[in-house]
Amino acid sequence: MEKFVPYEKLSKKAKKEIDEQKRGDWDGVNPVTKIIEENPKAYKRKPKHPNRSDDWE
């Protein structure tokens, strides 16, 4: 029986092995090329009226 060692105290090599075992599989899907359909309620960072002046001159 192996002695219990907390994750924080493990070597980098041991942590890497544990992390690789926990990691899931993408089943052949490339996450970089995956396109997510836009949600109409999603937050938009672009201003609604980019040429509008808020100075109220």
PDB file of N, CA and C in Angstrom:
ATOM      1  N   MET A   1       0.840  -1.182   0.000  1.00  0.00           N
ATOM      2  CA  MET A   1       0.000   0.000   0.000  1.00  0.00           C
ATOM      3  C   MET A   1       0.886   1.246   0.000  1.00  0.00           C
ATOM      4  N   GLU A   2       0.571   2.154  -0.918  1.00  0.00           N
ATOM      5  CA  GLU A   2       1.372   3.375  -1.022  1.00  0.00           C
ATOM      6  C   GLU A   2       0.965   4.380   0.049  1.00  0.00           C
ATOM      7  N   LYS A   3       1.929   5.145   0.466  1.00  0.00           N
ATOM      8  CA  LYS A   3       1.682   6.175   1.464  1.00  0.00           C
ATOM      9  C   LYS A   3       0.973   7.358   0.792  1.00  0.00           C
ATOM     10  N   PHE A   4      -0.026   7.930   1.477  1.00  0.00           N
ATOM     11  CA  PHE A   4      -0.761   9.067   0.928  1.00  0.00           C
ATOM     12  C   PHE A   4       0.097  10.332   1.004  1.00  0.00           C
ATOM     13  N   VAL A   5       0.207  11.017  -0.138  1.00  0.00           N
ATOM     14  CA  VAL A   5       0.918  12.284  -0.203  1.00  0.00           C
ATOM     15  C   VAL A   5      -0.045  13.312  -0.786  1.00  0.00           C
ATOM     16  N   PRO A   6      -0.242  14.462  -0.134  1.00  0.00           N
ATOM     17  CA  PRO A   6      -1.150  15.484  -0.673  1.00  0.00           C
ATOM     18  C   PRO A   6      -0.693  15.954  -2.059  1.00  0.00           C
ATOM     19  N   TYR A   7      -1.668  16.342  -2.877  1.00  0.00           N
ATOM     20  CA  TYR A   7      -1.393  16.767  -4.251  1.00  0.00           C
ATOM     21  C   TYR A   7      -0.374  17.908  -4.285  1.00  0.00           C
ATOM     22  N   GLU A   8      -0.485  18.857  -3.370  1.00  0.00           N
ATOM     23  CA  GLU A   8       0.410  20.022  -3.354  1.00  0.00           C
ATOM     24  C   GLU A   8       1.867  19.626  -3.146  1.00  0.00           C
ATOM     25  N   LYS A   9       2.092  18.516  -2.457  1.00  0.00           N
ATOM     26  CA  LYS A   9       3.459  18.104  -2.145  1.00  0.00           C
ATOM     27  C   LYS A   9       4.035  17.110  -3.154  1.00  0.00           C
ATOM     28  N   LEU A  10       3.257  16.730  -4.165  1.00  0.00           N
ATOM     29  CA  LEU A  10       3.756  15.796  -5.174  1.00  0.00           C
ATOM     30  C   LEU A  10       4.743  16.486  -6.105  1.00  0.00           C
ATOM     31  N   SER A  11       5.571  15.694  -6.761  1.00  0.00           N
ATOM     32  CA  SER A  11       6.514  16.240  -7.732  1.00  0.00           C
ATOM     33  C   SER A  11       5.752  16.655  -8.988  1.00  0.00           C
ATOM     34  N   LYS A  12       6.405  17.461  -9.835  1.00  0.00           N
ATOM     35  CA  LYS A  12       5.761  17.902 -11.072  1.00  0.00           C
ATOM     36  C   LYS A  12       5.393  16.703 -11.940  1.00  0.00           C
ATOM     37  N   LYS A  13       6.260  15.721 -11.972  1.00  0.00           N
ATOM     38  CA  LYS A  13       6.036  14.527 -12.779  1.00  0.00           C
ATOM     39  C   LYS A  13       4.803  13.762 -12.291  1.00  0.00           C
ATOM     40  N   ALA A  14       4.671  13.610 -10.978  1.00  0.00           N
ATOM     41  CA  ALA A  14       3.530  12.894 -10.407  1.00  0.00           C
ATOM     42  C   ALA A  14       2.233  13.668 -10.635  1.00  0.00           C
ATOM     43  N   LYS A  15       2.281  15.005 -10.489  1.00  0.00           N
ATOM     44  CA  LYS A  15       1.098  15.828 -10.735  1.00  0.00           C
ATOM     45  C   LYS A  15       0.653  15.701 -12.187  1.00  0.00           C
ATOM     46  N   LYS A  16       1.622  15.700 -13.101  1.00  0.00           N
ATOM     47  CA  LYS A  16       1.326  15.602 -14.521  1.00  0.00           C
ATOM     48  C   LYS A  16       0.613  14.291 -14.835  1.00  0.00           C
ATOM     49  N   GLU A  17       1.075  13.184 -14.240  1.00  0.00           N
ATOM     50  CA  GLU A  17       0.446  11.883 -14.461  1.00  0.00           C
ATOM     51  C   GLU A  17      -0.994  11.872 -13.955  1.00  0.00           C
ATOM     52  N   ILE A  18      -1.225  12.445 -12.778  1.00  0.00           N
ATOM     53  CA  ILE A  18      -2.576  12.495 -12.213  1.00  0.00           C
ATOM     54  C   ILE A  18      -3.486  13.359 -13.082  1.00  0.00           C
ATOM     55  N   ASP A  19      -2.981  14.513 -13.524  1.00  0.00           N
ATOM     56  CA  ASP A  19      -3.771  15.416 -14.356  1.00  0.00           C
ATOM     57  C   ASP A  19      -4.146  14.769 -15.688  1.00  0.00           C
ATOM     58  N   GLU A  20      -3.213  14.028 -16.277  1.00  0.00           N
ATOM     59  CA  GLU A  20      -3.488  13.355 -17.544  1.00  0.00           C
ATOM     60  C   GLU A  20      -4.566  12.292 -17.393  1.00  0.00           C
ATOM     61  N   GLN A  21      -4.611  11.621 -16.250  1.00  0.00           N
ATOM     62  CA  GLN A  21      -5.634  10.611 -16.004  1.00  0.00           C
ATOM     63  C   GLN A  21      -7.010  11.253 -15.835  1.00  0.00           C
ATOM     64  N   LYS A  22      -7.056  12.446 -15.230  1.00  0.00           N
ATOM     65  CA  LYS A  22      -8.327  13.131 -14.985  1.00  0.00           C
ATOM     66  C   LYS A  22      -8.881  13.802 -16.245  1.00  0.00           C
ATOM     67  N   ARG A  23      -8.004  14.140 -17.176  1.00  0.00           N
ATOM     68  CA  ARG A  23      -8.419  14.868 -18.364  1.00  0.00           C
ATOM     69  C   ARG A  23      -9.369  14.049 -19.226  1.00  0.00           C
ATOM     70  N   GLY A  24     -10.367  14.712 -19.795  1.00  0.00           N
ATOM     71  CA  GLY A  24     -11.355  14.039 -20.633  1.00  0.00           C
ATOM     72  C   GLY A  24     -10.896  13.928 -22.074  1.00  0.00           C
ATOM     73  N   ASP A  25     -11.727  13.309 -22.890  1.00  0.00           N
ATOM     74  CA  ASP A  25     -11.419  13.111 -24.300  1.00  0.00           C
ATOM     75  C   ASP A  25     -12.400  13.930 -25.136  1.00  0.00           C
ATOM     76  N   TRP A  26     -11.912  14.488 -26.223  1.00  0.00           N
ATOM     77  CA  TRP A  26     -12.748  15.316 -27.089  1.00  0.00           C
ATOM     78  C   TRP A  26     -13.459  14.488 -28.161  1.00  0.00           C
ATOM     79  N   ASP A  27     -13.191  13.209 -28.257  1.00  0.00           N
ATOM     80  CA  ASP A  27     -13.827  12.316 -29.243  1.00  0.00           C
ATOM     81  C   ASP A  27     -13.657  12.824 -30.671  1.00  0.00           C
ATOM     82  N   GLY A  28     -12.454  13.251 -31.020  1.00  0.00           N
ATOM     83  CA  GLY A  28     -12.171  13.669 -32.390  1.00  0.00           C
ATOM     84  C   GLY A  28     -12.587  15.085 -32.730  1.00  0.00           C
ATOM     85  N   VAL A  29     -13.112  15.838 -31.784  1.00  0.00           N
ATOM     86  CA  VAL A  29     -13.522  17.228 -32.044  1.00  0.00           C
ATOM     87  C   VAL A  29     -12.334  18.142 -31.774  1.00  0.00           C
ATOM     88  N   ASN A  30     -12.039  19.026 -32.730  1.00  0.00           N
ATOM     89  CA  ASN A  30     -10.971  19.986 -32.547  1.00  0.00           C
ATOM     90  C   ASN A  30     -11.567  21.228 -31.888  1.00  0.00           C
ATOM     91  N   PRO A  31     -11.210  21.540 -30.634  1.00  0.00           N
ATOM     92  CA  PRO A  31     -11.831  22.657 -29.928  1.00  0.00           C
ATOM     93  C   PRO A  31     -11.514  24.014 -30.541  1.00  0.00           C
ATOM     94  N   VAL A  32     -10.443  24.118 -31.305  1.00  0.00           N
ATOM     95  CA  VAL A  32     -10.076  25.399 -31.899  1.00  0.00           C
ATOM     96  C   VAL A  32     -11.012  25.757 -33.042  1.00  0.00           C
ATOM     97  N   THR A  33     -11.415  24.770 -33.828  1.00  0.00           N
ATOM     98  CA  THR A  33     -12.246  25.041 -34.995  1.00  0.00           C
ATOM     99  C   THR A  33     -13.736  24.937 -34.697  1.00  0.00           C
ATOM    100  N   LYS A  34     -14.084  24.615 -33.464  1.00  0.00           N
ATOM    101  CA  LYS A  34     -15.494  24.469 -33.121  1.00  0.00           C
ATOM    102  C   LYS A  34     -16.183  25.831 -33.121  1.00  0.00           C
ATOM    103  N   ILE A  35     -17.315  25.924 -33.807  1.00  0.00           N
ATOM    104  CA  ILE A  35     -18.073  27.178 -33.883  1.00  0.00           C
ATOM    105  C   ILE A  35     -19.304  27.045 -32.985  1.00  0.00           C
ATOM    106  N   ILE A  36     -19.460  27.978 -32.086  1.00  0.00           N
ATOM    107  CA  ILE A  36     -20.601  27.981 -31.179  1.00  0.00           C
ATOM    108  C   ILE A  36     -21.663  28.909 -31.756  1.00  0.00           C
ATOM    109  N   GLU A  37     -22.881  28.416 -31.819  1.00  0.00           N
ATOM    110  CA  GLU A  37     -23.967  29.240 -32.338  1.00  0.00           C
ATOM    111  C   GLU A  37     -24.182  30.436 -31.421  1.00  0.00           C
ATOM    112  N   GLU A  38     -24.409  31.590 -32.027  1.00  0.00           N
ATOM    113  CA  GLU A  38     -24.565  32.806 -31.237  1.00  0.00           C
ATOM    114  C   GLU A  38     -25.891  32.806 -30.482  1.00  0.00           C
ATOM    115  N   ASN A  39     -25.815  33.239 -29.263  1.00  0.00           N
ATOM    116  CA  ASN A  39     -26.999  33.390 -28.434  1.00  0.00           C
ATOM    117  C   ASN A  39     -27.453  34.844 -28.563  1.00  0.00           C
ATOM    118  N   PRO A  40     -28.684  35.105 -28.968  1.00  0.00           N
ATOM    119  CA  PRO A  40     -29.118  36.501 -29.144  1.00  0.00           C
ATOM    120  C   PRO A  40     -29.105  37.303 -27.841  1.00  0.00           C
ATOM    121  N   LYS A  41     -29.139  36.632 -26.697  1.00  0.00           N
ATOM    122  CA  LYS A  41     -29.139  37.333 -25.420  1.00  0.00           C
ATOM    123  C   LYS A  41     -27.733  37.506 -24.854  1.00  0.00           C
ATOM    124  N   ALA A  42     -26.726  37.083 -25.604  1.00  0.00           N
ATOM    125  CA  ALA A  42     -25.350  37.154 -25.109  1.00  0.00           C
ATOM    126  C   ALA A  42     -24.882  38.606 -25.016  1.00  0.00           C
ATOM    127  N   TYR A  43     -23.942  38.842 -24.110  1.00  0.00           N
ATOM    128  CA  TYR A  43     -23.386  40.177 -23.905  1.00  0.00           C
ATOM    129  C   TYR A  43     -22.564  40.583 -25.121  1.00  0.00           C
ATOM    130  N   LYS A  44     -22.805  41.787 -25.636  1.00  0.00           N
ATOM    131  CA  LYS A  44     -22.064  42.307 -26.788  1.00  0.00           C
ATOM    132  C   LYS A  44     -21.181  43.452 -26.328  1.00  0.00           C
ATOM    133  N   ARG A  45     -19.910  43.387 -26.691  1.00  0.00           N
ATOM    134  CA  ARG A  45     -18.950  44.394 -26.252  1.00  0.00           C
ATOM    135  C   ARG A  45     -18.900  45.617 -27.168  1.00  0.00           C
ATOM    136  N   LYS A  46     -19.373  45.462 -28.379  1.00  0.00           N
ATOM    137  CA  LYS A  46     -19.352  46.592 -29.305  1.00  0.00           C
ATOM    138  C   LYS A  46     -20.443  47.587 -28.931  1.00  0.00           C
ATOM    139  N   PRO A  47     -20.157  48.890 -29.043  1.00  0.00           N
ATOM    140  CA  PRO A  47     -21.192  49.887 -28.731  1.00  0.00           C
ATOM    141  C   PRO A  47     -22.324  49.833 -29.759  1.00  0.00           C
ATOM    142  N   LYS A  48     -23.522  50.112 -29.312  1.00  0.00           N
ATOM    143  CA  LYS A  48     -24.683  50.054 -30.196  1.00  0.00           C
ATOM    144  C   LYS A  48     -24.618  51.141 -31.261  1.00  0.00           C
ATOM    145  N   HIS A  49     -24.161  52.332 -30.882  1.00  0.00           N
ATOM    146  CA  HIS A  49     -24.033  53.457 -31.810  1.00  0.00           C
ATOM    147  C   HIS A  49     -22.590  53.976 -31.735  1.00  0.00           C
ATOM    148  N   PRO A  50     -21.679  53.424 -32.537  1.00  0.00           N
ATOM    149  CA  PRO A  50     -20.261  53.788 -32.410  1.00  0.00           C
ATOM    150  C   PRO A  50     -19.940  55.234 -32.791  1.00  0.00           C
ATOM    151  N   ASN A  51     -20.719  55.867 -33.673  1.00  0.00           N
ATOM    152  CA  ASN A  51     -20.418  57.224 -34.131  1.00  0.00           C
ATOM    153  C   ASN A  51     -21.132  58.292 -33.300  1.00  0.00           C
ATOM    154  N   ARG A  52     -21.902  57.900 -32.366  1.00  0.00           N
ATOM    155  CA  ARG A  52     -22.673  58.825 -31.552  1.00  0.00           C
ATOM    156  C   ARG A  52     -21.780  59.524 -30.519  1.00  0.00           C
ATOM    157  N   SER A  53     -21.978  60.789 -30.335  1.00  0.00           N
ATOM    158  CA  SER A  53     -21.217  61.550 -29.348  1.00  0.00           C
ATOM    159  C   SER A  53     -22.044  61.706 -28.083  1.00  0.00           C
ATOM    160  N   ASP A  54     -21.436  61.385 -26.951  1.00  0.00           N
ATOM    161  CA  ASP A  54     -22.129  61.504 -25.678  1.00  0.00           C
ATOM    162  C   ASP A  54     -21.830  62.827 -24.983  1.00  0.00           C
ATOM    163  N   ASP A  55     -21.247  63.787 -25.703  1.00  0.00           N
ATOM    164  CA  ASP A  55     -20.835  65.042 -25.112  1.00  0.00           C
ATOM    165  C   ASP A  55     -22.003  65.989 -24.871  1.00  0.00           C
ATOM    166  N   TRP A  56     -23.088  65.876 -25.594  1.00  0.00           N
ATOM    167  CA  TRP A  56     -24.249  66.767 -25.487  1.00  0.00           C
ATOM    168  C   TRP A  56     -23.833  68.227 -25.622  1.00  0.00           C
ATOM    169  N   GLU A  57     -23.143  68.529 -26.667  1.00  0.00           N
ATOM    170  CA  GLU A  57     -22.621  69.890 -26.846  1.00  0.00           C
ATOM    171  C   GLU A  57     -23.693  70.921 -27.014  1.00  0.00           C
TER     172      GLU A  57
END
